[in-house]
Amino acid sequence: MSSLKKDTDFRTMLTQLSISLIEPTAVSYQVGSIDELKRQIQACSQTNVTGHLDLSIQAAQVPQWSLFFRMGYLIWGSSEAHPICRWRRQLSQLCPQLAIDPILQQKLNDYQLWGYHSLAELVKQRKVSWQQMRAAVIGNLVEILFDIIQWEKLRDHSALELTSKWFPQDPIDPTLALIQTDPILQQASQAWNVWRQAGLEDYSPNLAPIIWDAKELQRQTSTIIYQNLTTQLDGNLTLRDLAVKLKHPAFHLLQSILPYIRQGVIGMSEVQDLCFAPNSSAAAHSQTVPVATFAGPIQAQSTDPLVAYIEDSQFDALMMSQILTRAGCQFLNIRDPVQALLMLLKHTPNLIFLDLLMPQTNGYEVCAQIRRVSALKNTPVVIVTSNDRLVDRVRAKLAGTTAFIAKPIEAEKVLAVLRQHLPIP
């Protein structure tokens, strides 16, 4: 299941109920800072609104995060990042007996019951207590607000669009857990401060640790530590998932492996959300490799063009991934510019987007390396950067680039490049 179906059950329920009443009032505007967002959330509480706030990164076609309200109380949150994994993580923490119930899991898989509605159903069936449901809602909201805070701190010239949709009448089930906004905002801010003070602000807890150099790791650690790390760090479990599995705070886990990450012995990889299919168990996470992450598995026989993006920022890579996959392209994100040439030769993309400013090197040098390889010398290479000056464009042209687009990454800019260089409609 695509993450675009995040919490579809709740959003559909809310929409269907509201249609029979009256169209919602929608207002959109840009949010300049996380403090401004907090003020908007607090204003929702003080005015007793019912509806939801949708937060979208500039140029994205769907919201990255949504916060749902009833009479000024928070009742749920949804996110593009790992909605199914987040739901299962909350369930496994609060109701471990349900997480391993094979009958329940089969029902969840068959009917795609994950998220808000399934949690409410479990309460009605008395398989989950109201207190457990409330704790699950709080845990879900704190994770989402943490991710929003982290994105705002690390964003690169991308604006955050806020759309509020308020319903004049109350269509929502009054039995829901009602959460006050201030304690949730405080918990999320405290969690972020702990993460930041530990020096981890550049690492998302939604990333999965994976061992890149097993021999070097074995050389530097004891036999027991090495065995533990190789067992747990397979690139399939995010830091948040590992924290639940090992019953240890995520920031402690990341701190313990940070020295190996800085040496390049352990890496951090993006993974896809779990997929539920009828009459089947949950699918495994997407394939991960040391220096590249994929929006989906690259299909060897696919006729869809493959587009690579050499970019170390996970947020910019996510934006590009969403635009390209919706345009019918396969997507390859290469994070390590030093290893970029190797990955490009392995996958031979039809087009390459290349960030200008990266650690250890820059886009001009990488482009020059690409142009020296006969198999890639005719592949379109497009520089992507926030330095949109004449001197930058001239230097990019001298390095052998095909085109130049300025950040922030926007769908219109990317699609214009695709139409010019690839056979897409």
Protein backbone atom coordinates (compact mmCIF):
# COMPACT_ATOMS: atom_id res chain seq x y z
CA MET A 1 0.00 0.00 0.00
CA SER A 2 1.29 3.44 -0.90
CA SER A 3 1.87 5.88 1.91
CA LEU A 4 -0.49 8.17 -0.01
CA LYS A 5 -3.30 6.12 1.58
CA LYS A 6 -2.27 7.33 5.00
CA ASP A 7 -5.10 7.03 7.45
CA THR A 8 -7.57 6.80 4.57
CA ASP A 9 -10.14 5.19 6.81
CA PHE A 10 -10.38 8.22 9.12
CA ARG A 11 -10.15 10.88 6.41
CA THR A 12 -12.84 9.06 4.37
CA MET A 13 -15.09 8.77 7.42
CA LEU A 14 -14.66 12.46 8.20
CA THR A 15 -15.33 13.50 4.60
CA GLN A 16 -18.36 11.28 4.05
CA LEU A 17 -20.00 12.45 7.27
CA SER A 18 -19.34 16.10 6.52
CA ILE A 19 -20.67 16.00 2.95
CA SER A 20 -24.16 15.30 4.23
CA LEU A 21 -23.97 18.39 6.43
CA ILE A 22 -22.21 21.28 4.71
CA GLU A 23 -19.01 21.97 2.83
CA PRO A 24 -16.04 22.76 5.13
CA THR A 25 -14.42 26.16 5.29
CA ALA A 26 -10.84 25.96 3.90
CA VAL A 27 -8.10 28.58 4.25
CA SER A 28 -4.49 28.18 3.04
CA TYR A 29 -1.40 30.20 3.93
CA GLN A 30 2.33 29.77 4.56
CA VAL A 31 3.83 29.06 7.97
CA GLY A 32 7.06 30.92 8.64
CA SER A 33 8.26 29.00 11.71
CA ILE A 34 7.43 26.22 14.12
CA ASP A 35 6.45 28.85 16.69
CA GLU A 36 3.88 30.21 14.27
CA LEU A 37 2.52 26.69 13.76
CA LYS A 38 2.25 26.21 17.52
CA ARG A 39 0.28 29.43 17.76
CA GLN A 40 -2.10 28.19 15.07
CA ILE A 41 -2.60 24.90 16.90
CA GLN A 42 -3.25 26.73 20.16
CA ALA A 43 -5.70 29.02 18.37
CA CYS A 44 -7.59 25.93 17.18
CA SER A 45 -7.88 24.85 20.79
CA GLN A 46 -9.02 28.23 22.06
CA THR A 47 -11.71 28.62 19.37
CA ASN A 48 -13.07 25.06 19.79
CA VAL A 49 -12.79 24.22 16.08
CA THR A 50 -13.67 20.90 14.45
CA GLY A 51 -11.79 19.81 11.32
CA HIS A 52 -8.14 19.41 10.40
CA LEU A 53 -4.90 21.23 9.63
CA ASP A 54 -3.02 19.93 6.58
CA LEU A 55 0.68 20.77 6.34
CA SER A 56 2.37 20.49 2.95
CA ILE A 57 5.93 21.13 1.87
CA GLN A 58 5.93 23.74 -0.89
CA ALA A 59 5.05 22.28 -4.31
CA ALA A 60 3.95 18.90 -2.88
CA GLN A 61 0.63 17.66 -4.23
CA VAL A 62 -0.52 16.03 -0.97
CA PRO A 63 -0.16 16.97 2.71
CA GLN A 64 2.89 15.58 4.50
CA TRP A 65 1.15 15.84 7.88
CA SER A 66 -2.41 16.37 9.11
CA LEU A 67 -3.71 17.20 12.59
CA PHE A 68 -7.37 16.43 13.36
CA PHE A 69 -9.48 18.38 15.86
CA ARG A 70 -12.86 18.01 17.55
CA MET A 71 -14.18 20.98 19.50
CA GLY A 72 -10.65 22.33 19.92
CA TYR A 73 -9.17 19.02 21.09
CA LEU A 74 -6.64 17.01 19.11
CA ILE A 75 -8.01 13.57 18.25
CA TRP A 76 -5.57 12.16 15.66
CA GLY A 77 -2.58 12.88 13.46
CA SER A 78 -1.48 11.40 10.16
CA SER A 79 1.77 11.48 8.22
CA GLU A 80 3.16 10.53 4.82
CA ALA A 81 6.13 8.91 6.57
CA HIS A 82 5.43 5.30 7.58
CA PRO A 83 1.74 5.55 8.60
CA ILE A 84 1.32 1.77 8.85
CA CYS A 85 4.57 1.24 10.72
CA ARG A 86 3.65 4.02 13.13
CA TRP A 87 0.27 2.45 13.85
CA ARG A 88 1.77 -1.01 14.39
CA ARG A 89 4.51 0.48 16.59
CA GLN A 90 1.93 2.10 18.87
CA LEU A 91 -0.07 -1.13 18.96
CA SER A 92 2.94 -3.28 19.80
CA GLN A 93 3.92 -0.97 22.68
CA LEU A 94 0.50 -0.68 24.24
CA CYS A 95 -1.09 -4.02 23.37
CA PRO A 96 1.65 -6.55 22.61
CA GLN A 97 -0.85 -9.40 22.79
CA LEU A 98 -2.71 -7.93 19.80
CA ALA A 99 0.46 -7.31 17.81
CA ILE A 100 1.13 -11.06 17.75
CA ASP A 101 -2.50 -12.18 17.37
CA PRO A 102 -2.53 -14.05 14.01
CA ILE A 103 -6.32 -13.76 13.58
CA LEU A 104 -6.27 -10.02 14.16
CA GLN A 105 -3.29 -9.56 11.86
CA GLN A 106 -5.08 -11.45 9.07
CA LYS A 107 -8.11 -9.19 9.45
CA LEU A 108 -5.91 -6.13 9.34
CA ASN A 109 -4.24 -7.39 6.18
CA ASP A 110 -7.46 -8.47 4.46
CA TYR A 111 -9.33 -5.22 5.07
CA GLN A 112 -6.45 -2.78 5.31
CA LEU A 113 -7.60 -1.79 8.80
CA TRP A 114 -4.79 0.32 10.14
CA GLY A 115 -4.86 3.70 11.79
CA TYR A 116 -7.61 5.58 13.58
CA HIS A 117 -10.68 3.59 12.59
CA SER A 118 -9.20 0.20 13.44
CA LEU A 119 -8.12 1.53 16.83
CA ALA A 120 -11.66 2.75 17.53
CA GLU A 121 -13.03 -0.63 16.48
CA LEU A 122 -10.68 -2.42 18.86
CA VAL A 123 -11.97 -0.24 21.68
CA LYS A 124 -15.58 -1.09 20.80
CA GLN A 125 -14.67 -4.78 20.80
CA ARG A 126 -12.99 -4.30 24.19
CA LYS A 127 -9.69 -5.61 22.89
CA VAL A 128 -8.13 -2.23 23.65
CA SER A 129 -9.03 -0.07 26.62
CA TRP A 130 -9.93 3.59 26.28
CA GLN A 131 -6.72 4.44 28.19
CA GLN A 132 -4.66 2.42 25.69
CA MET A 133 -6.34 4.12 22.76
CA ARG A 134 -5.66 7.52 24.31
CA ALA A 135 -1.99 6.61 24.84
CA ALA A 136 -1.75 5.44 21.21
CA VAL A 137 -3.23 8.71 19.94
CA ILE A 138 -0.80 10.72 22.10
CA GLY A 139 2.20 8.67 20.96
CA ASN A 140 1.16 9.11 17.34
CA LEU A 141 0.74 12.89 17.72
CA VAL A 142 4.06 13.37 19.51
CA GLU A 143 5.96 11.51 16.77
CA ILE A 144 4.30 13.56 14.03
CA LEU A 145 4.91 16.90 15.75
CA PHE A 146 8.54 15.90 16.39
CA ASP A 147 8.96 15.22 12.65
CA ILE A 148 7.41 18.59 11.78
CA ILE A 149 9.76 20.39 14.19
CA GLN A 150 12.78 18.58 12.77
CA TRP A 151 11.79 19.34 9.18
CA GLU A 152 11.36 23.03 10.00
CA LYS A 153 14.84 23.17 11.56
CA LEU A 154 16.52 21.44 8.61
CA ARG A 155 14.50 22.73 5.66
CA ASP A 156 16.30 24.24 2.69
CA HIS A 157 14.29 27.25 1.46
CA SER A 158 11.09 25.17 1.20
CA ALA A 159 7.99 26.80 2.61
CA LEU A 160 5.39 24.98 4.68
CA GLU A 161 1.86 25.42 3.39
CA LEU A 162 -0.86 25.20 6.05
CA THR A 163 -4.44 24.49 5.00
CA SER A 164 -7.16 24.60 7.63
CA LYS A 165 -10.52 22.93 6.96
CA TRP A 166 -13.20 23.56 9.53
CA PHE A 167 -16.64 21.96 9.67
CA PRO A 168 -19.52 24.20 10.81
CA GLN A 169 -21.25 21.18 12.34
CA ASP A 170 -19.67 18.34 14.30
CA PRO A 171 -19.68 15.09 12.25
CA ILE A 172 -17.23 13.18 14.42
CA ASP A 173 -17.92 10.29 16.78
CA PRO A 174 -18.15 11.82 20.29
CA THR A 175 -16.57 8.73 21.88
CA LEU A 176 -13.10 9.63 20.64
CA ALA A 177 -10.13 10.37 22.88
CA LEU A 178 -9.89 14.15 23.26
CA ILE A 179 -6.34 15.43 23.77
CA GLN A 180 -5.41 18.91 24.97
CA THR A 181 -3.00 20.66 22.62
CA ASP A 182 -0.52 22.25 25.06
CA PRO A 183 0.74 19.02 26.71
CA ILE A 184 1.26 17.42 23.29
CA LEU A 185 3.21 20.42 22.01
CA GLN A 186 5.32 20.36 25.17
CA GLN A 187 6.08 16.63 24.84
CA ALA A 188 7.08 16.99 21.19
CA SER A 189 9.28 20.03 21.94
CA GLN A 190 10.94 18.25 24.87
CA ALA A 191 11.61 15.19 22.71
CA TRP A 192 13.18 17.41 20.04
CA ASN A 193 15.31 19.27 22.59
CA VAL A 194 16.68 15.98 23.95
CA TRP A 195 17.43 14.84 20.38
CA ARG A 196 19.08 18.15 19.48
CA GLN A 197 21.14 18.40 22.67
CA ALA A 198 22.46 14.92 21.99
CA GLY A 199 23.85 16.24 18.68
CA LEU A 200 21.45 14.17 16.56
CA GLU A 201 19.48 16.92 14.81
CA ASP A 202 20.70 15.87 11.34
CA TYR A 203 19.38 12.32 11.73
CA SER A 204 15.71 11.43 11.43
CA PRO A 205 14.36 8.70 13.73
CA ASN A 206 12.50 7.45 10.64
CA LEU A 207 15.80 6.28 9.14
CA ALA A 208 17.05 2.71 9.51
CA PRO A 209 20.64 1.90 10.57
CA ILE A 210 22.45 -0.54 8.30
CA ILE A 211 25.99 -1.93 8.44
CA TRP A 212 28.11 -0.84 5.52
CA ASP A 213 31.52 -2.25 6.50
CA ALA A 214 31.08 -5.44 8.53
CA LYS A 215 34.80 -6.24 8.64
CA GLU A 216 35.73 -2.87 10.10
CA LEU A 217 32.87 -3.05 12.59
CA GLN A 218 34.06 -6.48 13.72
CA ARG A 219 37.59 -5.17 14.10
CA GLN A 220 36.47 -2.27 16.32
CA THR A 221 34.01 -4.10 18.58
CA SER A 222 33.87 -7.11 20.86
CA THR A 223 32.35 -10.37 19.65
CA ILE A 224 29.14 -9.85 21.65
CA ILE A 225 28.64 -6.25 20.49
CA TYR A 226 29.36 -7.21 16.90
CA GLN A 227 26.85 -10.04 16.98
CA ASN A 228 24.20 -7.79 18.54
CA LEU A 229 24.72 -5.07 15.97
CA THR A 230 24.69 -7.41 12.97
CA THR A 231 21.49 -9.00 14.27
CA GLN A 232 19.62 -5.73 14.80
CA LEU A 233 20.98 -3.31 12.18
CA ASP A 234 19.72 -4.90 8.98
CA GLY A 235 18.36 -1.72 7.39
CA ASN A 236 14.73 -2.84 7.77
CA LEU A 237 13.88 -1.30 11.15
CA THR A 238 13.89 2.43 11.77
CA LEU A 239 15.39 3.88 14.92
CA ARG A 240 11.88 4.22 16.33
CA ASP A 241 11.09 0.59 15.59
CA LEU A 242 14.39 -0.53 17.12
CA ALA A 243 13.67 1.54 20.22
CA VAL A 244 10.40 -0.32 20.74
CA LYS A 245 11.94 -3.69 19.99
CA LEU A 246 14.92 -3.19 22.30
CA LYS A 247 13.00 -1.16 24.92
CA HIS A 248 15.60 1.57 24.80
CA PRO A 249 15.21 5.28 23.86
CA ALA A 250 15.90 5.99 20.20
CA PHE A 251 18.36 8.78 20.97
CA HIS A 252 20.43 6.42 23.16
CA LEU A 253 20.56 3.87 20.35
CA LEU A 254 21.68 6.48 17.83
CA GLN A 255 24.28 7.93 20.20
CA SER A 256 25.78 4.46 20.71
CA ILE A 257 26.34 3.92 16.97
CA LEU A 258 27.08 7.53 16.01
CA PRO A 259 30.89 7.07 16.06
CA TYR A 260 30.55 4.24 13.54
CA ILE A 261 28.20 6.34 11.39
CA ARG A 262 30.76 9.15 11.25
CA GLN A 263 33.42 6.67 10.18
CA GLY A 264 31.21 5.28 7.42
CA VAL A 265 31.06 1.85 9.06
CA ILE A 266 27.31 2.12 9.68
CA GLY A 267 24.92 4.09 7.48
CA MET A 268 21.38 5.42 7.75
CA SER A 269 18.92 4.38 5.06
CA GLU A 270 15.36 5.29 4.16
CA VAL A 271 12.88 2.44 4.07
CA GLN A 272 9.39 2.18 2.66
CA ASP A 273 6.34 1.70 4.78
CA LEU A 274 4.93 -1.77 5.29
CA CYS A 275 2.53 -2.95 2.61
CA PHE A 276 -0.65 -4.85 3.41
CA ALA A 277 -2.19 -6.94 0.67
CA PRO A 278 -5.37 -9.10 0.76
CA ASN A 279 -4.79 -12.61 2.07
CA SER A 280 -1.13 -12.06 2.67
CA SER A 281 1.14 -11.13 5.52
CA ALA A 282 2.85 -7.77 5.73
CA ALA A 283 5.46 -7.36 3.04
CA ALA A 284 9.07 -6.73 3.87
CA HIS A 285 10.57 -3.28 3.75
CA SER A 286 12.10 -2.04 0.56
CA GLN A 287 15.59 -3.02 -0.43
CA THR A 288 18.33 -0.80 0.98
CA VAL A 289 21.89 -0.25 -0.12
CA PRO A 290 24.74 1.67 1.49
CA VAL A 291 24.76 4.75 -0.71
CA ALA A 292 21.37 4.84 -2.38
CA THR A 293 17.72 4.71 -1.42
CA PHE A 294 14.77 3.97 -3.64
CA ALA A 295 11.22 5.28 -3.78
CA GLY A 296 10.41 1.72 -4.84
CA PRO A 297 12.37 -1.31 -6.07
CA ILE A 298 14.00 -0.62 -9.43
CA GLN A 299 12.43 -2.96 -11.97
CA ALA A 300 14.96 -4.37 -14.41
CA GLN A 301 12.30 -4.99 -17.09
CA SER A 302 10.39 -1.77 -16.56
CA THR A 303 10.05 0.66 -19.45
CA ASP A 304 9.62 3.59 -17.07
CA PRO A 305 12.60 5.96 -17.21
CA LEU A 306 14.99 5.87 -14.26
CA VAL A 307 15.95 9.24 -12.77
CA ALA A 308 18.78 9.57 -10.24
CA TYR A 309 19.13 12.39 -7.74
CA ILE A 310 22.52 12.88 -6.07
CA GLU A 311 21.47 14.64 -2.87
CA ASP A 312 22.43 14.16 0.78
CA SER A 313 19.34 15.93 2.16
CA GLN A 314 16.57 13.43 2.89
CA PHE A 315 13.95 16.18 2.72
CA ASP A 316 14.91 17.36 -0.76
CA ALA A 317 15.18 13.73 -1.86
CA LEU A 318 11.67 13.07 -0.57
CA MET A 319 10.30 16.03 -2.50
CA MET A 320 12.00 14.90 -5.71
CA SER A 321 10.85 11.32 -5.17
CA GLN A 322 7.20 12.33 -4.89
CA ILE A 323 7.32 14.45 -8.05
CA LEU A 324 9.16 11.87 -10.14
CA THR A 325 7.17 8.80 -9.11
CA ARG A 326 3.90 10.61 -9.82
CA ALA A 327 5.31 11.49 -13.26
CA GLY A 328 5.76 7.77 -13.97
CA CYS A 329 9.52 7.57 -13.38
CA GLN A 330 11.58 5.20 -11.28
CA PHE A 331 13.63 7.04 -8.68
CA LEU A 332 17.13 6.49 -7.33
CA ASN A 333 18.48 8.70 -4.55
CA ILE A 334 22.27 8.62 -4.14
CA ARG A 335 23.34 10.22 -0.88
CA ASP A 336 27.11 9.76 -0.96
CA PRO A 337 28.61 11.86 -3.79
CA VAL A 338 31.94 10.06 -3.44
CA GLN A 339 30.27 6.79 -4.42
CA ALA A 340 27.91 8.36 -6.95
CA LEU A 341 29.80 7.29 -10.05
CA LEU A 342 29.76 3.65 -9.01
CA MET A 343 25.99 3.70 -8.46
CA LEU A 344 25.35 5.55 -11.73
CA LEU A 345 27.34 2.96 -13.68
CA LYS A 346 25.48 0.16 -11.94
CA HIS A 347 21.99 1.51 -12.68
CA THR A 348 22.59 3.72 -15.79
CA PRO A 349 19.76 6.23 -15.22
CA ASN A 350 18.10 8.08 -18.09
CA LEU A 351 18.54 11.45 -16.35
CA ILE A 352 20.54 12.73 -13.38
CA PHE A 353 19.63 15.53 -11.00
CA LEU A 354 22.67 16.72 -9.07
CA ASP A 355 22.78 18.88 -5.93
CA LEU A 356 25.43 21.60 -6.13
CA LEU A 357 26.45 21.84 -2.47
CA MET A 358 27.39 18.55 -0.80
CA PRO A 359 29.85 17.40 1.85
CA GLN A 360 33.35 16.40 0.65
CA THR A 361 32.77 17.62 -2.92
CA ASN A 362 30.47 19.74 -5.08
CA GLY A 363 28.20 19.24 -8.04
CA TYR A 364 30.70 20.70 -10.52
CA GLU A 365 33.31 18.07 -9.65
CA VAL A 366 30.79 15.23 -9.73
CA CYS A 367 29.48 16.35 -13.11
CA ALA A 368 33.00 16.52 -14.51
CA GLN A 369 33.59 12.94 -13.33
CA ILE A 370 30.35 11.81 -14.97
CA ARG A 371 31.31 13.40 -18.29
CA ARG A 372 34.64 11.53 -18.32
CA VAL A 373 32.81 8.17 -18.41
CA SER A 374 31.79 7.15 -21.91
CA ALA A 375 28.65 5.31 -20.75
CA LEU A 376 27.34 8.51 -19.10
CA LYS A 377 28.72 11.29 -21.27
CA ASN A 378 25.40 11.78 -23.09
CA THR A 379 23.14 11.37 -20.05
CA PRO A 380 21.36 14.64 -19.17
CA VAL A 381 22.74 16.10 -15.92
CA VAL A 382 20.70 18.85 -14.23
CA ILE A 383 22.18 20.92 -11.40
CA VAL A 384 19.79 21.66 -8.52
CA THR A 385 20.79 24.43 -6.12
CA SER A 386 19.71 27.48 -4.15
CA ASN A 387 22.63 29.47 -5.65
CA ASP A 388 20.78 30.75 -8.71
CA ARG A 389 23.37 33.26 -9.94
CA LEU A 390 24.78 33.87 -13.40
CA VAL A 391 28.27 32.80 -12.30
CA ASP A 392 26.86 29.51 -10.99
CA ARG A 393 25.06 28.83 -14.24
CA VAL A 394 28.17 29.56 -16.29
CA ARG A 395 30.35 27.32 -14.11
CA ALA A 396 27.74 24.55 -14.27
CA LYS A 397 27.73 24.77 -18.07
CA LEU A 398 31.51 24.57 -18.21
CA ALA A 399 31.41 21.44 -16.04
CA GLY A 400 29.21 19.74 -18.62
CA THR A 401 25.74 20.08 -17.13
CA THR A 402 22.69 19.95 -19.38
CA ALA A 403 20.43 22.28 -17.41
CA PHE A 404 20.15 24.18 -14.16
CA ILE A 405 17.12 24.53 -11.84
CA ALA A 406 16.90 26.56 -8.66
CA LYS A 407 15.59 25.45 -5.29
CA PRO A 408 13.06 25.13 -3.78
CA ILE A 409 12.21 21.95 -5.67
CA GLU A 410 8.88 22.49 -7.39
CA ALA A 411 6.86 20.13 -9.56
CA GLU A 412 6.60 22.55 -12.50
CA LYS A 413 10.38 22.98 -12.72
CA VAL A 414 11.10 19.25 -12.52
CA LEU A 415 8.36 18.28 -14.97
CA ALA A 416 9.62 20.84 -17.47
CA VAL A 417 13.04 19.17 -17.40
CA LEU A 418 11.50 15.70 -17.74
CA ARG A 419 9.41 16.71 -20.77
CA GLN A 420 12.46 18.17 -22.46
CA HIS A 421 14.75 15.19 -21.97
CA LEU A 422 12.58 12.10 -21.41
CA PRO A 423 9.73 10.44 -23.33
CA ILE A 424 6.97 11.31 -20.86
CA PRO A 425 3.62 13.01 -21.61
